[in-house]
Amino acid sequence: MSTLLIGRWSQDGGTLSITASHPVADGDQAAIDALVRPAFADGANWACEFDVDDHRRAVQRAYEEYARDDDAWVDDTVEHFEPLTP
């Protein structure tokens, strides 16, 4: 299993808000497309599948892989998990 996170970057690029989280079978592109399409139509502008079966680990990876190097923050509005920062 993987975790698909969906969210949106703020206009200034300083915050990635996670607005949805879904378990998906590894690499199930049809399921991912079915979840991402309506979310993007609703204003999301970012989505990523992480090869972890836990929401918190996926959010931590989103921070490490997409936000940390740009001094951005991840705001988890789903479970309100705050990524660990070094």
PDB file of N, CA and C in Angstrom:
ATOM      1  N   MET A   1       0.830  -1.188   0.000  1.00  0.00           N
ATOM      2  CA  MET A   1       0.000   0.000   0.000  1.00  0.00           C
ATOM      3  C   MET A   1       0.872   1.248   0.000  1.00  0.00           C
ATOM      4  N   SER A   2       0.325   2.276  -0.593  1.00  0.00           N
ATOM      5  CA  SER A   2       0.949   3.591  -0.624  1.00  0.00           C
ATOM      6  C   SER A   2      -0.029   4.608  -0.060  1.00  0.00           C
ATOM      7  N   THR A   3       0.461   5.793   0.174  1.00  0.00           N
ATOM      8  CA  THR A   3      -0.388   6.888   0.619  1.00  0.00           C
ATOM      9  C   THR A   3      -0.314   8.008  -0.411  1.00  0.00           C
ATOM     10  N   LEU A   4      -1.470   8.413  -0.899  1.00  0.00           N
ATOM     11  CA  LEU A   4      -1.576   9.525  -1.834  1.00  0.00           C
ATOM     12  C   LEU A   4      -1.938  10.764  -1.040  1.00  0.00           C
ATOM     13  N   LEU A   5      -1.074  11.767  -1.100  1.00  0.00           N
ATOM     14  CA  LEU A   5      -1.375  13.054  -0.475  1.00  0.00           C
ATOM     15  C   LEU A   5      -1.774  14.027  -1.570  1.00  0.00           C
ATOM     16  N   ILE A   6      -2.768  14.825  -1.284  1.00  0.00           N
ATOM     17  CA  ILE A   6      -3.243  15.860  -2.208  1.00  0.00           C
ATOM     18  C   ILE A   6      -3.269  17.165  -1.439  1.00  0.00           C
ATOM     19  N   GLY A   7      -2.883  18.243  -2.106  1.00  0.00           N
ATOM     20  CA  GLY A   7      -2.888  19.530  -1.434  1.00  0.00           C
ATOM     21  C   GLY A   7      -2.719  20.676  -2.392  1.00  0.00           C
ATOM     22  N   ARG A   8      -2.301  21.798  -1.808  1.00  0.00           N
ATOM     23  CA  ARG A   8      -2.073  22.982  -2.640  1.00  0.00           C
ATOM     24  C   ARG A   8      -0.952  23.812  -2.029  1.00  0.00           C
ATOM     25  N   TRP A   9      -0.158  24.342  -2.943  1.00  0.00           N
ATOM     26  CA  TRP A   9       0.885  25.282  -2.545  1.00  0.00           C
ATOM     27  C   TRP A   9       0.274  26.670  -2.407  1.00  0.00           C
ATOM     28  N   SER A  10       0.733  27.415  -1.421  1.00  0.00           N
ATOM     29  CA  SER A  10       0.312  28.804  -1.280  1.00  0.00           C
ATOM     30  C   SER A  10       0.872  29.602  -2.456  1.00  0.00           C
ATOM     31  N   GLN A  11       0.289  30.759  -2.703  1.00  0.00           N
ATOM     32  CA  GLN A  11       0.724  31.577  -3.833  1.00  0.00           C
ATOM     33  C   GLN A  11       2.193  31.972  -3.730  1.00  0.00           C
ATOM     34  N   ASP A  12       2.678  32.176  -2.518  1.00  0.00           N
ATOM     35  CA  ASP A  12       4.079  32.563  -2.361  1.00  0.00           C
ATOM     36  C   ASP A  12       5.021  31.363  -2.302  1.00  0.00           C
ATOM     37  N   GLY A  13       4.471  30.144  -2.368  1.00  0.00           N
ATOM     38  CA  GLY A  13       5.290  28.942  -2.345  1.00  0.00           C
ATOM     39  C   GLY A  13       5.866  28.600  -0.989  1.00  0.00           C
ATOM     40  N   GLY A  14       5.404  29.282   0.048  1.00  0.00           N
ATOM     41  CA  GLY A  14       5.943  29.056   1.382  1.00  0.00           C
ATOM     42  C   GLY A  14       5.274  27.957   2.174  1.00  0.00           C
ATOM     43  N   THR A  15       4.089  27.530   1.736  1.00  0.00           N
ATOM     44  CA  THR A  15       3.356  26.516   2.486  1.00  0.00           C
ATOM     45  C   THR A  15       2.683  25.534   1.544  1.00  0.00           C
ATOM     46  N   LEU A  16       2.880  24.256   1.816  1.00  0.00           N
ATOM     47  CA  LEU A  16       2.163  23.187   1.143  1.00  0.00           C
ATOM     48  C   LEU A  16       1.107  22.689   2.122  1.00  0.00           C
ATOM     49  N   SER A  17      -0.154  22.932   1.825  1.00  0.00           N
ATOM     50  CA  SER A  17      -1.245  22.470   2.683  1.00  0.00           C
ATOM     51  C   SER A  17      -1.748  21.126   2.187  1.00  0.00           C
ATOM     52  N   ILE A  18      -1.665  20.122   3.040  1.00  0.00           N
ATOM     53  CA  ILE A  18      -2.181  18.795   2.713  1.00  0.00           C
ATOM     54  C   ILE A  18      -3.670  18.807   3.035  1.00  0.00           C
ATOM     55  N   THR A  19      -4.495  18.572   2.015  1.00  0.00           N
ATOM     56  CA  THR A  19      -5.943  18.663   2.185  1.00  0.00           C
ATOM     57  C   THR A  19      -6.653  17.316   2.095  1.00  0.00           C
ATOM     58  N   ALA A  20      -5.945  16.281   1.636  1.00  0.00           N
ATOM     59  CA  ALA A  20      -6.547  14.948   1.538  1.00  0.00           C
ATOM     60  C   ALA A  20      -5.446  13.897   1.579  1.00  0.00           C
ATOM     61  N   SER A  21      -5.807  12.734   2.083  1.00  0.00           N
ATOM     62  CA  SER A  21      -4.883  11.614   2.176  1.00  0.00           C
ATOM     63  C   SER A  21      -5.671  10.338   1.902  1.00  0.00           C
ATOM     64  N   HIS A  22      -5.150   9.509   1.005  1.00  0.00           N
ATOM     65  CA  HIS A  22      -5.859   8.288   0.624  1.00  0.00           C
ATOM     66  C   HIS A  22      -4.900   7.112   0.532  1.00  0.00           C
ATOM     67  N   PRO A  23      -5.269   5.960   1.105  1.00  0.00           N
ATOM     68  CA  PRO A  23      -4.468   4.762   0.853  1.00  0.00           C
ATOM     69  C   PRO A  23      -4.782   4.272  -0.562  1.00  0.00           C
ATOM     70  N   VAL A  24      -3.756   3.891  -1.290  1.00  0.00           N
ATOM     71  CA  VAL A  24      -3.931   3.354  -2.641  1.00  0.00           C
ATOM     72  C   VAL A  24      -2.991   2.171  -2.825  1.00  0.00           C
ATOM     73  N   ALA A  25      -3.387   1.264  -3.699  1.00  0.00           N
ATOM     74  CA  ALA A  25      -2.489   0.165  -4.039  1.00  0.00           C
ATOM     75  C   ALA A  25      -1.276   0.750  -4.753  1.00  0.00           C
ATOM     76  N   ASP A  26      -0.114   0.205  -4.474  1.00  0.00           N
ATOM     77  CA  ASP A  26       1.118   0.707  -5.073  1.00  0.00           C
ATOM     78  C   ASP A  26       0.974   0.851  -6.585  1.00  0.00           C
ATOM     79  N   GLY A  27       1.189   2.074  -7.065  1.00  0.00           N
ATOM     80  CA  GLY A  27       1.199   2.318  -8.493  1.00  0.00           C
ATOM     81  C   GLY A  27      -0.135   2.215  -9.206  1.00  0.00           C
ATOM     82  N   ASP A  28      -1.243   2.212  -8.493  1.00  0.00           N
ATOM     83  CA  ASP A  28      -2.569   2.104  -9.118  1.00  0.00           C
ATOM     84  C   ASP A  28      -2.948   3.451  -9.734  1.00  0.00           C
ATOM     85  N   GLN A  29      -2.473   3.687 -10.940  1.00  0.00           N
ATOM     86  CA  GLN A  29      -2.653   4.990 -11.582  1.00  0.00           C
ATOM     87  C   GLN A  29      -4.113   5.333 -11.809  1.00  0.00           C
ATOM     88  N   ALA A  30      -4.951   4.350 -12.102  1.00  0.00           N
ATOM     89  CA  ALA A  30      -6.381   4.624 -12.319  1.00  0.00           C
ATOM     90  C   ALA A  30      -7.019   5.155 -11.037  1.00  0.00           C
ATOM     91  N   ALA A  31      -6.688   4.556  -9.899  1.00  0.00           N
ATOM     92  CA  ALA A  31      -7.238   5.016  -8.617  1.00  0.00           C
ATOM     93  C   ALA A  31      -6.701   6.407  -8.282  1.00  0.00           C
ATOM     94  N   ILE A  32      -5.423   6.622  -8.549  1.00  0.00           N
ATOM     95  CA  ILE A  32      -4.822   7.925  -8.273  1.00  0.00           C
ATOM     96  C   ILE A  32      -5.488   8.998  -9.125  1.00  0.00           C
ATOM     97  N   ASP A  33      -5.647   8.723 -10.415  1.00  0.00           N
ATOM     98  CA  ASP A  33      -6.311   9.683 -11.305  1.00  0.00           C
ATOM     99  C   ASP A  33      -7.727   9.988 -10.848  1.00  0.00           C
ATOM    100  N   ALA A  34      -8.449   8.964 -10.403  1.00  0.00           N
ATOM    101  CA  ALA A  34      -9.833   9.148  -9.960  1.00  0.00           C
ATOM    102  C   ALA A  34      -9.915  10.031  -8.713  1.00  0.00           C
ATOM    103  N   LEU A  35      -8.883  10.033  -7.896  1.00  0.00           N
ATOM    104  CA  LEU A  35      -8.861  10.874  -6.692  1.00  0.00           C
ATOM    105  C   LEU A  35      -8.311  12.269  -6.986  1.00  0.00           C
ATOM    106  N   VAL A  36      -7.330  12.350  -7.867  1.00  0.00           N
ATOM    107  CA  VAL A  36      -6.666  13.620  -8.130  1.00  0.00           C
ATOM    108  C   VAL A  36      -7.509  14.541  -9.016  1.00  0.00           C
ATOM    109  N   ARG A  37      -8.150  13.996 -10.035  1.00  0.00           N
ATOM    110  CA  ARG A  37      -8.915  14.841 -10.968  1.00  0.00           C
ATOM    111  C   ARG A  37      -9.912  15.756 -10.267  1.00  0.00           C
ATOM    112  N   PRO A  38     -10.808  15.221  -9.432  1.00  0.00           N
ATOM    113  CA  PRO A  38     -11.767  16.128  -8.778  1.00  0.00           C
ATOM    114  C   PRO A  38     -11.107  17.081  -7.788  1.00  0.00           C
ATOM    115  N   ALA A  39     -10.033  16.644  -7.149  1.00  0.00           N
ATOM    116  CA  ALA A  39      -9.332  17.523  -6.204  1.00  0.00           C
ATOM    117  C   ALA A  39      -8.712  18.711  -6.939  1.00  0.00           C
ATOM    118  N   PHE A  40      -8.118  18.461  -8.100  1.00  0.00           N
ATOM    119  CA  PHE A  40      -7.532  19.556  -8.880  1.00  0.00           C
ATOM    120  C   PHE A  40      -8.628  20.470  -9.426  1.00  0.00           C
ATOM    121  N   ALA A  41      -9.759  19.921  -9.774  1.00  0.00           N
ATOM    122  CA  ALA A  41     -10.886  20.745 -10.225  1.00  0.00           C
ATOM    123  C   ALA A  41     -11.396  21.626  -9.094  1.00  0.00           C
ATOM    124  N   ASP A  42     -11.120  21.191  -7.847  1.00  0.00           N
ATOM    125  CA  ASP A  42     -11.558  21.920  -6.653  1.00  0.00           C
ATOM    126  C   ASP A  42     -10.485  22.854  -6.106  1.00  0.00           C
ATOM    127  N   GLY A  43      -9.362  22.989  -6.790  1.00  0.00           N
ATOM    128  CA  GLY A  43      -8.350  23.947  -6.357  1.00  0.00           C
ATOM    129  C   GLY A  43      -7.021  23.370  -5.919  1.00  0.00           C
ATOM    130  N   ALA A  44      -6.905  22.059  -5.789  1.00  0.00           N
ATOM    131  CA  ALA A  44      -5.613  21.473  -5.438  1.00  0.00           C
ATOM    132  C   ALA A  44      -4.642  21.707  -6.590  1.00  0.00           C
ATOM    133  N   ASN A  45      -3.352  21.805  -6.267  1.00  0.00           N
ATOM    134  CA  ASN A  45      -2.355  21.966  -7.320  1.00  0.00           C
ATOM    135  C   ASN A  45      -1.119  21.103  -7.085  1.00  0.00           C
ATOM    136  N   TRP A  46      -1.231  20.134  -6.175  1.00  0.00           N
ATOM    137  CA  TRP A  46      -0.121  19.244  -5.868  1.00  0.00           C
ATOM    138  C   TRP A  46      -0.676  17.901  -5.418  1.00  0.00           C
ATOM    139  N   ALA A  47      -0.043  16.818  -5.846  1.00  0.00           N
ATOM    140  CA  ALA A  47      -0.385  15.472  -5.389  1.00  0.00           C
ATOM    141  C   ALA A  47       0.844  14.597  -5.537  1.00  0.00           C
ATOM    142  N   CYS A  48       0.992  13.659  -4.630  1.00  0.00           N
ATOM    143  CA  CYS A  48       2.127  12.753  -4.700  1.00  0.00           C
ATOM    144  C   CYS A  48       1.787  11.449  -3.985  1.00  0.00           C
ATOM    145  N   GLU A  49       2.186  10.350  -4.600  1.00  0.00           N
ATOM    146  CA  GLU A  49       2.049   9.028  -3.985  1.00  0.00           C
ATOM    147  C   GLU A  49       3.360   8.701  -3.282  1.00  0.00           C
ATOM    148  N   PHE A  50       3.270   8.291  -2.021  1.00  0.00           N
ATOM    149  CA  PHE A  50       4.441   7.896  -1.252  1.00  0.00           C
ATOM    150  C   PHE A  50       4.327   6.416  -0.918  1.00  0.00           C
ATOM    151  N   ASP A  51       5.420   5.711  -1.053  1.00  0.00           N
ATOM    152  CA  ASP A  51       5.453   4.269  -0.828  1.00  0.00           C
ATOM    153  C   ASP A  51       5.536   3.960   0.668  1.00  0.00           C
ATOM    154  N   VAL A  52       4.580   4.483   1.401  1.00  0.00           N
ATOM    155  CA  VAL A  52       4.433   4.222   2.838  1.00  0.00           C
ATOM    156  C   VAL A  52       2.948   4.036   3.108  1.00  0.00           C
ATOM    157  N   ASP A  53       2.621   3.249   4.114  1.00  0.00           N
ATOM    158  CA  ASP A  53       1.203   2.996   4.394  1.00  0.00           C
ATOM    159  C   ASP A  53       0.693   3.774   5.603  1.00  0.00           C
ATOM    160  N   ASP A  54       1.395   4.845   5.948  1.00  0.00           N
ATOM    161  CA  ASP A  54       1.031   5.637   7.109  1.00  0.00           C
ATOM    162  C   ASP A  54       0.994   7.118   6.728  1.00  0.00           C
ATOM    163  N   HIS A  55      -0.103   7.782   7.058  1.00  0.00           N
ATOM    164  CA  HIS A  55      -0.277   9.193   6.708  1.00  0.00           C
ATOM    165  C   HIS A  55       0.865  10.055   7.238  1.00  0.00           C
ATOM    166  N   ARG A  56       1.225   9.879   8.487  1.00  0.00           N
ATOM    167  CA  ARG A  56       2.258  10.723   9.098  1.00  0.00           C
ATOM    168  C   ARG A  56       3.616  10.562   8.421  1.00  0.00           C
ATOM    169  N   ARG A  57       3.949   9.331   8.060  1.00  0.00           N
ATOM    170  CA  ARG A  57       5.212   9.116   7.347  1.00  0.00           C
ATOM    171  C   ARG A  57       5.166   9.767   5.975  1.00  0.00           C
ATOM    172  N   ALA A  58       4.017   9.744   5.324  1.00  0.00           N
ATOM    173  CA  ALA A  58       3.883  10.396   4.014  1.00  0.00           C
ATOM    174  C   ALA A  58       4.053  11.911   4.149  1.00  0.00           C
ATOM    175  N   VAL A  59       3.464  12.496   5.180  1.00  0.00           N
ATOM    176  CA  VAL A  59       3.600  13.938   5.394  1.00  0.00           C
ATOM    177  C   VAL A  59       5.059  14.290   5.689  1.00  0.00           C
ATOM    178  N   GLN A  60       5.731  13.472   6.478  1.00  0.00           N
ATOM    179  CA  GLN A  60       7.141  13.717   6.761  1.00  0.00           C
ATOM    180  C   GLN A  60       7.953  13.682   5.472  1.00  0.00           C
ATOM    181  N   ARG A  61       7.676  12.706   4.619  1.00  0.00           N
ATOM    182  CA  ARG A  61       8.387  12.625   3.341  1.00  0.00           C
ATOM    183  C   ARG A  61       8.069  13.817   2.456  1.00  0.00           C
ATOM    184  N   ALA A  62       6.821  14.268   2.456  1.00  0.00           N
ATOM    185  CA  ALA A  62       6.464  15.448   1.658  1.00  0.00           C
ATOM    186  C   ALA A  62       7.292  16.643   2.110  1.00  0.00           C
ATOM    187  N   TYR A  63       7.426  16.795   3.409  1.00  0.00           N
ATOM    188  CA  TYR A  63       8.254  17.887   3.935  1.00  0.00           C
ATOM    189  C   TYR A  63       9.702  17.741   3.472  1.00  0.00           C
ATOM    190  N   GLU A  64      10.267  16.550   3.667  1.00  0.00           N
ATOM    191  CA  GLU A  64      11.679  16.330   3.351  1.00  0.00           C
ATOM    192  C   GLU A  64      11.964  16.456   1.857  1.00  0.00           C
ATOM    193  N   GLU A  65      11.054  15.990   1.014  1.00  0.00           N
ATOM    194  CA  GLU A  65      11.313  15.936  -0.423  1.00  0.00           C
ATOM    195  C   GLU A  65      10.836  17.165  -1.200  1.00  0.00           C
ATOM    196  N   TYR A  66       9.863  17.895  -0.673  1.00  0.00           N
ATOM    197  CA  TYR A  66       9.282  18.999  -1.437  1.00  0.00           C
ATOM    198  C   TYR A  66       9.365  20.361  -0.766  1.00  0.00           C
ATOM    199  N   ALA A  67       9.527  20.412   0.543  1.00  0.00           N
ATOM    200  CA  ALA A  67       9.438  21.695   1.235  1.00  0.00           C
ATOM    201  C   ALA A  67      10.737  22.134   1.909  1.00  0.00           C
ATOM    202  N   ARG A  68      11.390  21.231   2.575  1.00  0.00           N
ATOM    203  CA  ARG A  68      12.532  21.591   3.435  1.00  0.00           C
ATOM    204  C   ARG A  68      13.606  22.392   2.706  1.00  0.00           C
ATOM    205  N   ASP A  69      14.035  21.942   1.553  1.00  0.00           N
ATOM    206  CA  ASP A  69      15.134  22.613   0.853  1.00  0.00           C
ATOM    207  C   ASP A  69      14.769  24.010   0.377  1.00  0.00           C
ATOM    208  N   ASP A  70      13.485  24.301   0.280  1.00  0.00           N
ATOM    209  CA  ASP A  70      13.031  25.627  -0.141  1.00  0.00           C
ATOM    210  C   ASP A  70      12.567  26.478   1.036  1.00  0.00           C
ATOM    211  N   ASP A  71      12.880  26.030   2.263  1.00  0.00           N
ATOM    212  CA  ASP A  71      12.435  26.714   3.485  1.00  0.00           C
ATOM    213  C   ASP A  71      10.924  26.898   3.507  1.00  0.00           C
ATOM    214  N   ALA A  72      10.207  25.930   2.975  1.00  0.00           N
ATOM    215  CA  ALA A  72       8.741  25.961   2.984  1.00  0.00           C
ATOM    216  C   ALA A  72       8.238  25.086   4.127  1.00  0.00           C
ATOM    217  N   TRP A  73       6.964  25.181   4.394  1.00  0.00           N
ATOM    218  CA  TRP A  73       6.353  24.439   5.484  1.00  0.00           C
ATOM    219  C   TRP A  73       5.246  23.561   4.935  1.00  0.00           C
ATOM    220  N   VAL A  74       4.993  22.436   5.603  1.00  0.00           N
ATOM    221  CA  VAL A  74       3.871  21.560   5.270  1.00  0.00           C
ATOM    222  C   VAL A  74       2.834  21.696   6.368  1.00  0.00           C
ATOM    223  N   ASP A  75       1.633  22.086   5.982  1.00  0.00           N
ATOM    224  CA  ASP A  75       0.506  22.237   6.904  1.00  0.00           C
ATOM    225  C   ASP A  75      -0.450  21.086   6.652  1.00  0.00           C
ATOM    226  N   ASP A  76      -0.460  20.120   7.559  1.00  0.00           N
ATOM    227  CA  ASP A  76      -1.315  18.939   7.429  1.00  0.00           C
ATOM    228  C   ASP A  76      -2.693  19.248   8.002  1.00  0.00           C
ATOM    229  N   THR A  77      -3.647  19.539   7.127  1.00  0.00           N
ATOM    230  CA  THR A  77      -5.000  19.847   7.592  1.00  0.00           C
ATOM    231  C   THR A  77      -5.848  18.591   7.760  1.00  0.00           C
ATOM    232  N   VAL A  78      -5.277  17.428   7.463  1.00  0.00           N
ATOM    233  CA  VAL A  78      -6.011  16.163   7.580  1.00  0.00           C
ATOM    234  C   VAL A  78      -5.901  15.613   8.996  1.00  0.00           C
ATOM    235  N   GLU A  79      -4.668  15.363   9.456  1.00  0.00           N
ATOM    236  CA  GLU A  79      -4.449  14.814  10.804  1.00  0.00           C
ATOM    237  C   GLU A  79      -3.680  15.776  11.705  1.00  0.00           C
ATOM    238  N   HIS A  80      -3.341  16.938  11.181  1.00  0.00           N
ATOM    239  CA  HIS A  80      -2.636  17.973  11.929  1.00  0.00           C
ATOM    240  C   HIS A  80      -1.283  17.500  12.468  1.00  0.00           C
ATOM    241  N   PHE A  81      -0.607  16.668  11.681  1.00  0.00           N
ATOM    242  CA  PHE A  81       0.730  16.205  12.028  1.00  0.00           C
ATOM    243  C   PHE A  81       1.738  17.277  11.649  1.00  0.00           C
ATOM    244  N   GLU A  82       2.652  17.574  12.552  1.00  0.00           N
ATOM    245  CA  GLU A  82       3.717  18.539  12.257  1.00  0.00           C
ATOM    246  C   GLU A  82       4.988  17.757  11.944  1.00  0.00           C
ATOM    247  N   PRO A  83       5.521  17.923  10.724  1.00  0.00           N
ATOM    248  CA  PRO A  83       6.738  17.202  10.361  1.00  0.00           C
ATOM    249  C   PRO A  83       7.894  17.545  11.304  1.00  0.00           C
ATOM    250  N   LEU A  84       8.733  16.559  11.507  1.00  0.00           N
ATOM    251  CA  LEU A  84       9.931  16.760  12.314  1.00  0.00           C
ATOM    252  C   LEU A  84      10.934  17.528  11.475  1.00  0.00           C
ATOM    253  N   THR A  85      11.506  18.563  12.041  1.00  0.00           N
ATOM    254  CA  THR A  85      12.497  19.357  11.328  1.00  0.00           C
ATOM    255  C   THR A  85      13.838  19.193  12.022  1.00  0.00           C
ATOM    256  N   PRO A  86      14.898  19.129  11.251  1.00  0.00           N
ATOM    257  CA  PRO A  86      16.236  18.960  11.867  1.00  0.00           C
ATOM    258  C   PRO A  86      16.670  20.216  12.605  1.00  0.00           C
TER     259      PRO A  86
END
